[in-house]
Amino acid sequence: MMACVCVRVVGLQRVGEMMRQLKYVRGLEFAAGVGYVDFLSRVNRVEDEARRNGSWAAPHPWLNLFISSRDIAAFDRAVLNGMLADGVDGPMLIYPMLKSK
C-alpha cells in the first residue's frame, strides 16, 4: 500500500530511488500502475467476480508461507513459475518481510 501512496505523492523517480535501497532479487519485482482506490479494492473485485460466476462457493484455501531470502529464487522457479504457467484461479498476494521484524 505504501508504494502506491508514494507513487502518487513523490512520483516514480523517487519510488525507484527507494527500491534501489531495498535488498531483494532484482528482476523478481512486479509493478502495476493503478489508482489508490483501485489498489485498495483489488481483492474485492476478484471476490465479486467469483461470487458472480459461482466459484466463490468452491474451497479457496489461504496459505501463508515464509521463504528465506536464500531460497526465494528456487521457490520462484519451482513453485510460482509452475503455478503461473498452469493458471491461478484467484488472487495471489505476496508480502516480502524481513525475518528480523
N, C-alpha and C. Protein backbone atom coordinates (compact mmCIF):
# COMPACT_ATOMS: atom_id res chain seq x y z
N MET A 1 0.82 -1.18 0.00
CA MET A 1 0.00 0.00 0.00
C MET A 1 0.87 1.25 0.00
N MET A 2 1.93 1.24 0.78
CA MET A 2 2.79 2.42 0.89
C MET A 2 3.38 2.81 -0.46
N ALA A 3 3.80 1.83 -1.27
CA ALA A 3 4.39 2.16 -2.56
C ALA A 3 3.39 2.87 -3.45
N CYS A 4 2.14 2.45 -3.42
CA CYS A 4 1.12 3.10 -4.23
C CYS A 4 0.93 4.54 -3.79
N VAL A 5 0.88 4.77 -2.49
CA VAL A 5 0.74 6.12 -1.96
C VAL A 5 1.95 6.96 -2.37
N CYS A 6 3.15 6.39 -2.25
CA CYS A 6 4.37 7.12 -2.60
C CYS A 6 4.38 7.50 -4.07
N VAL A 7 3.90 6.62 -4.93
CA VAL A 7 3.89 6.93 -6.36
C VAL A 7 3.06 8.18 -6.60
N ARG A 8 1.92 8.27 -5.95
CA ARG A 8 1.05 9.43 -6.13
C ARG A 8 1.69 10.70 -5.55
N VAL A 9 2.37 10.56 -4.43
CA VAL A 9 2.87 11.73 -3.72
C VAL A 9 4.22 12.20 -4.26
N VAL A 10 5.16 11.29 -4.43
CA VAL A 10 6.51 11.72 -4.78
C VAL A 10 6.94 11.33 -6.18
N GLY A 11 6.18 10.54 -6.88
CA GLY A 11 6.49 10.22 -8.25
C GLY A 11 7.33 8.97 -8.42
N LEU A 12 7.36 8.49 -9.66
CA LEU A 12 8.04 7.24 -9.97
C LEU A 12 9.54 7.30 -9.74
N GLN A 13 10.16 8.44 -10.00
CA GLN A 13 11.61 8.54 -9.82
C GLN A 13 11.97 8.30 -8.36
N ARG A 14 11.23 8.89 -7.45
CA ARG A 14 11.52 8.72 -6.01
C ARG A 14 11.28 7.28 -5.59
N VAL A 15 10.23 6.65 -6.11
CA VAL A 15 9.98 5.24 -5.78
C VAL A 15 11.14 4.39 -6.26
N GLY A 16 11.67 4.69 -7.45
CA GLY A 16 12.84 3.97 -7.95
C GLY A 16 14.03 4.12 -7.03
N GLU A 17 14.23 5.32 -6.50
CA GLU A 17 15.33 5.55 -5.55
C GLU A 17 15.13 4.72 -4.29
N MET A 18 13.90 4.66 -3.79
CA MET A 18 13.63 3.87 -2.59
C MET A 18 13.83 2.38 -2.86
N MET A 19 13.42 1.91 -4.03
CA MET A 19 13.56 0.50 -4.38
C MET A 19 15.03 0.09 -4.44
N ARG A 20 15.88 0.97 -4.95
CA ARG A 20 17.30 0.64 -5.05
C ARG A 20 17.93 0.38 -3.69
N GLN A 21 17.36 0.93 -2.63
CA GLN A 21 17.90 0.74 -1.29
C GLN A 21 17.46 -0.57 -0.66
N LEU A 22 16.48 -1.24 -1.24
CA LEU A 22 15.96 -2.48 -0.67
C LEU A 22 16.82 -3.67 -1.08
N LYS A 23 16.87 -4.68 -0.21
CA LYS A 23 17.56 -5.92 -0.54
C LYS A 23 16.53 -6.90 -1.09
N TYR A 24 16.61 -7.20 -2.36
CA TYR A 24 15.74 -8.19 -2.98
C TYR A 24 16.40 -8.66 -4.26
N VAL A 25 15.93 -9.75 -4.80
CA VAL A 25 16.50 -10.29 -6.03
C VAL A 25 15.96 -9.47 -7.19
N ARG A 26 16.82 -8.73 -7.84
CA ARG A 26 16.42 -7.88 -8.96
C ARG A 26 15.80 -8.74 -10.06
N GLY A 27 14.75 -8.25 -10.65
CA GLY A 27 14.07 -8.98 -11.70
C GLY A 27 12.85 -9.73 -11.21
N LEU A 28 12.71 -9.90 -9.89
CA LEU A 28 11.53 -10.60 -9.35
C LEU A 28 10.43 -9.62 -8.96
N GLU A 29 10.68 -8.32 -9.09
CA GLU A 29 9.65 -7.37 -8.72
C GLU A 29 8.61 -7.24 -9.83
N PHE A 30 7.44 -6.83 -9.45
CA PHE A 30 6.35 -6.61 -10.41
C PHE A 30 5.68 -5.30 -10.03
N ALA A 31 5.43 -4.47 -11.00
CA ALA A 31 4.78 -3.20 -10.71
C ALA A 31 3.61 -3.00 -11.66
N ALA A 32 2.56 -2.42 -11.15
CA ALA A 32 1.39 -2.08 -11.96
C ALA A 32 0.92 -0.70 -11.54
N GLY A 33 0.66 0.13 -12.51
CA GLY A 33 0.16 1.47 -12.21
C GLY A 33 -1.35 1.45 -12.05
N VAL A 34 -1.81 1.63 -10.84
CA VAL A 34 -3.25 1.67 -10.57
C VAL A 34 -3.53 2.84 -9.63
N GLY A 35 -4.75 3.32 -9.68
CA GLY A 35 -5.17 4.37 -8.76
C GLY A 35 -5.28 3.84 -7.34
N TYR A 36 -5.29 4.74 -6.39
CA TYR A 36 -5.30 4.36 -4.98
C TYR A 36 -6.55 3.54 -4.63
N VAL A 37 -7.73 3.98 -5.05
CA VAL A 37 -8.97 3.25 -4.74
C VAL A 37 -8.95 1.89 -5.42
N ASP A 38 -8.49 1.82 -6.66
CA ASP A 38 -8.39 0.53 -7.35
C ASP A 38 -7.45 -0.41 -6.61
N PHE A 39 -6.34 0.13 -6.11
CA PHE A 39 -5.40 -0.69 -5.36
C PHE A 39 -6.06 -1.26 -4.11
N LEU A 40 -6.78 -0.42 -3.37
CA LEU A 40 -7.42 -0.87 -2.14
C LEU A 40 -8.52 -1.89 -2.39
N SER A 41 -9.19 -1.81 -3.53
CA SER A 41 -10.33 -2.70 -3.77
C SER A 41 -10.00 -3.86 -4.70
N ARG A 42 -8.72 -4.15 -4.93
CA ARG A 42 -8.33 -5.18 -5.89
C ARG A 42 -8.84 -6.56 -5.50
N VAL A 43 -8.80 -6.93 -4.24
CA VAL A 43 -9.26 -8.26 -3.82
C VAL A 43 -10.79 -8.31 -3.84
N ASN A 44 -11.44 -7.20 -3.51
CA ASN A 44 -12.90 -7.17 -3.55
C ASN A 44 -13.43 -7.45 -4.95
N ARG A 45 -12.77 -6.92 -5.97
CA ARG A 45 -13.20 -7.16 -7.36
C ARG A 45 -13.10 -8.64 -7.70
N VAL A 46 -12.03 -9.29 -7.26
CA VAL A 46 -11.87 -10.72 -7.52
C VAL A 46 -12.96 -11.50 -6.81
N GLU A 47 -13.24 -11.14 -5.56
CA GLU A 47 -14.30 -11.82 -4.82
C GLU A 47 -15.66 -11.62 -5.49
N ASP A 48 -15.96 -10.41 -5.91
CA ASP A 48 -17.23 -10.14 -6.59
C ASP A 48 -17.38 -10.99 -7.84
N GLU A 49 -16.32 -11.09 -8.64
CA GLU A 49 -16.36 -11.92 -9.85
C GLU A 49 -16.56 -13.39 -9.50
N ALA A 50 -15.87 -13.87 -8.46
CA ALA A 50 -16.02 -15.27 -8.04
C ALA A 50 -17.44 -15.54 -7.57
N ARG A 51 -18.06 -14.60 -6.90
CA ARG A 51 -19.46 -14.78 -6.47
C ARG A 51 -20.38 -14.83 -7.68
N ARG A 52 -20.14 -13.96 -8.67
CA ARG A 52 -20.97 -13.94 -9.88
C ARG A 52 -20.87 -15.25 -10.66
N ASN A 53 -19.66 -15.78 -10.79
CA ASN A 53 -19.51 -16.99 -11.62
C ASN A 53 -19.67 -18.28 -10.82
N GLY A 54 -19.95 -18.17 -9.52
CA GLY A 54 -20.22 -19.35 -8.71
C GLY A 54 -19.00 -20.02 -8.11
N SER A 55 -17.80 -19.55 -8.44
CA SER A 55 -16.60 -20.22 -7.92
C SER A 55 -16.33 -19.86 -6.46
N TRP A 56 -17.01 -18.85 -5.92
CA TRP A 56 -16.79 -18.48 -4.53
C TRP A 56 -17.21 -19.59 -3.59
N ALA A 57 -18.20 -20.39 -3.98
CA ALA A 57 -18.69 -21.48 -3.14
C ALA A 57 -17.69 -22.63 -3.06
N ALA A 58 -16.78 -22.71 -4.02
CA ALA A 58 -15.76 -23.77 -4.01
C ALA A 58 -14.71 -23.44 -2.95
N PRO A 59 -14.04 -24.45 -2.41
CA PRO A 59 -12.98 -24.18 -1.43
C PRO A 59 -11.92 -23.24 -2.02
N HIS A 60 -11.51 -22.30 -1.26
CA HIS A 60 -10.43 -21.40 -1.67
C HIS A 60 -9.51 -21.20 -0.47
N PRO A 61 -8.61 -22.17 -0.29
CA PRO A 61 -7.73 -22.15 0.89
C PRO A 61 -6.80 -20.94 0.90
N TRP A 62 -6.42 -20.59 2.09
CA TRP A 62 -5.49 -19.48 2.31
C TRP A 62 -4.22 -20.08 2.89
N LEU A 63 -3.10 -19.78 2.33
CA LEU A 63 -1.84 -20.35 2.79
C LEU A 63 -0.82 -19.23 3.00
N ASN A 64 -0.25 -19.20 4.16
CA ASN A 64 0.82 -18.25 4.46
C ASN A 64 2.14 -19.01 4.56
N LEU A 65 3.13 -18.56 3.81
CA LEU A 65 4.45 -19.19 3.81
C LEU A 65 5.51 -18.14 4.10
N PHE A 66 6.53 -18.55 4.79
CA PHE A 66 7.70 -17.71 4.99
C PHE A 66 8.86 -18.40 4.27
N ILE A 67 9.42 -17.75 3.27
CA ILE A 67 10.51 -18.30 2.47
C ILE A 67 11.75 -17.45 2.73
N SER A 68 12.85 -18.11 3.04
CA SER A 68 14.08 -17.36 3.32
C SER A 68 14.59 -16.70 2.05
N SER A 69 15.32 -15.61 2.22
CA SER A 69 15.89 -14.93 1.05
C SER A 69 16.84 -15.85 0.30
N ARG A 70 17.47 -16.77 1.01
CA ARG A 70 18.38 -17.73 0.38
C ARG A 70 17.62 -18.65 -0.58
N ASP A 71 16.36 -18.97 -0.26
CA ASP A 71 15.59 -19.94 -1.04
C ASP A 71 14.56 -19.33 -1.98
N ILE A 72 14.41 -18.01 -1.99
CA ILE A 72 13.31 -17.42 -2.75
C ILE A 72 13.45 -17.64 -4.25
N ALA A 73 14.65 -17.60 -4.80
CA ALA A 73 14.82 -17.80 -6.24
C ALA A 73 14.42 -19.22 -6.62
N ALA A 74 14.83 -20.21 -5.83
CA ALA A 74 14.45 -21.60 -6.11
C ALA A 74 12.94 -21.78 -5.95
N PHE A 75 12.34 -21.15 -4.96
CA PHE A 75 10.90 -21.21 -4.76
C PHE A 75 10.18 -20.62 -5.97
N ASP A 76 10.69 -19.51 -6.46
CA ASP A 76 10.10 -18.88 -7.64
C ASP A 76 10.14 -19.83 -8.83
N ARG A 77 11.30 -20.44 -9.08
CA ARG A 77 11.42 -21.36 -10.22
C ARG A 77 10.55 -22.59 -10.06
N ALA A 78 10.57 -23.19 -8.87
CA ALA A 78 9.89 -24.47 -8.67
C ALA A 78 8.39 -24.34 -8.46
N VAL A 79 7.96 -23.28 -7.81
CA VAL A 79 6.55 -23.19 -7.43
C VAL A 79 5.81 -22.10 -8.21
N LEU A 80 6.24 -20.87 -8.07
CA LEU A 80 5.49 -19.78 -8.67
C LEU A 80 5.43 -19.88 -10.19
N ASN A 81 6.54 -20.15 -10.84
CA ASN A 81 6.52 -20.25 -12.30
C ASN A 81 5.58 -21.35 -12.77
N GLY A 82 5.57 -22.48 -12.07
CA GLY A 82 4.65 -23.57 -12.43
C GLY A 82 3.20 -23.18 -12.22
N MET A 83 2.92 -22.51 -11.10
CA MET A 83 1.55 -22.08 -10.83
C MET A 83 1.08 -21.09 -11.87
N LEU A 84 1.92 -20.16 -12.22
CA LEU A 84 1.53 -19.15 -13.19
C LEU A 84 1.35 -19.76 -14.57
N ALA A 85 2.16 -20.74 -14.91
CA ALA A 85 2.02 -21.41 -16.21
C ALA A 85 0.71 -22.19 -16.28
N ASP A 86 0.31 -22.79 -15.15
CA ASP A 86 -0.93 -23.58 -15.11
C ASP A 86 -2.16 -22.72 -14.90
N GLY A 87 -1.97 -21.49 -14.50
CA GLY A 87 -3.10 -20.60 -14.22
C GLY A 87 -3.44 -20.60 -12.74
N VAL A 88 -3.82 -19.46 -12.26
CA VAL A 88 -4.22 -19.30 -10.86
C VAL A 88 -5.67 -18.85 -10.87
N ASP A 89 -6.51 -19.54 -10.12
CA ASP A 89 -7.94 -19.25 -10.15
C ASP A 89 -8.37 -18.22 -9.12
N GLY A 90 -7.52 -17.32 -8.78
CA GLY A 90 -7.88 -16.29 -7.81
C GLY A 90 -6.69 -15.42 -7.50
N PRO A 91 -6.88 -14.52 -6.55
CA PRO A 91 -5.78 -13.61 -6.24
C PRO A 91 -4.64 -14.32 -5.53
N MET A 92 -3.45 -13.86 -5.77
CA MET A 92 -2.28 -14.37 -5.08
C MET A 92 -1.57 -13.15 -4.49
N LEU A 93 -1.49 -13.09 -3.18
CA LEU A 93 -0.88 -11.96 -2.51
C LEU A 93 0.46 -12.40 -1.93
N ILE A 94 1.51 -11.67 -2.24
CA ILE A 94 2.85 -11.99 -1.75
C ILE A 94 3.38 -10.77 -1.03
N TYR A 95 3.76 -10.97 0.24
CA TYR A 95 4.27 -9.87 1.05
C TYR A 95 5.70 -10.17 1.49
N PRO A 96 6.70 -9.50 0.93
CA PRO A 96 8.06 -9.70 1.40
C PRO A 96 8.21 -9.15 2.81
N MET A 97 8.95 -9.87 3.64
CA MET A 97 9.15 -9.45 5.03
C MET A 97 10.59 -9.68 5.44
N LEU A 98 11.05 -8.89 6.36
CA LEU A 98 12.35 -9.13 6.96
C LEU A 98 12.16 -10.05 8.15
N LYS A 99 12.99 -11.09 8.26
CA LYS A 99 12.82 -12.01 9.39
C LYS A 99 13.17 -11.34 10.71
N SER A 100 13.90 -10.25 10.66
CA SER A 100 14.22 -9.53 11.88
C SER A 100 13.02 -8.76 12.43
N LYS A 101 11.97 -8.65 11.65
CA LYS A 101 10.78 -7.91 12.10
C LYS A 101 9.80 -8.90 12.65
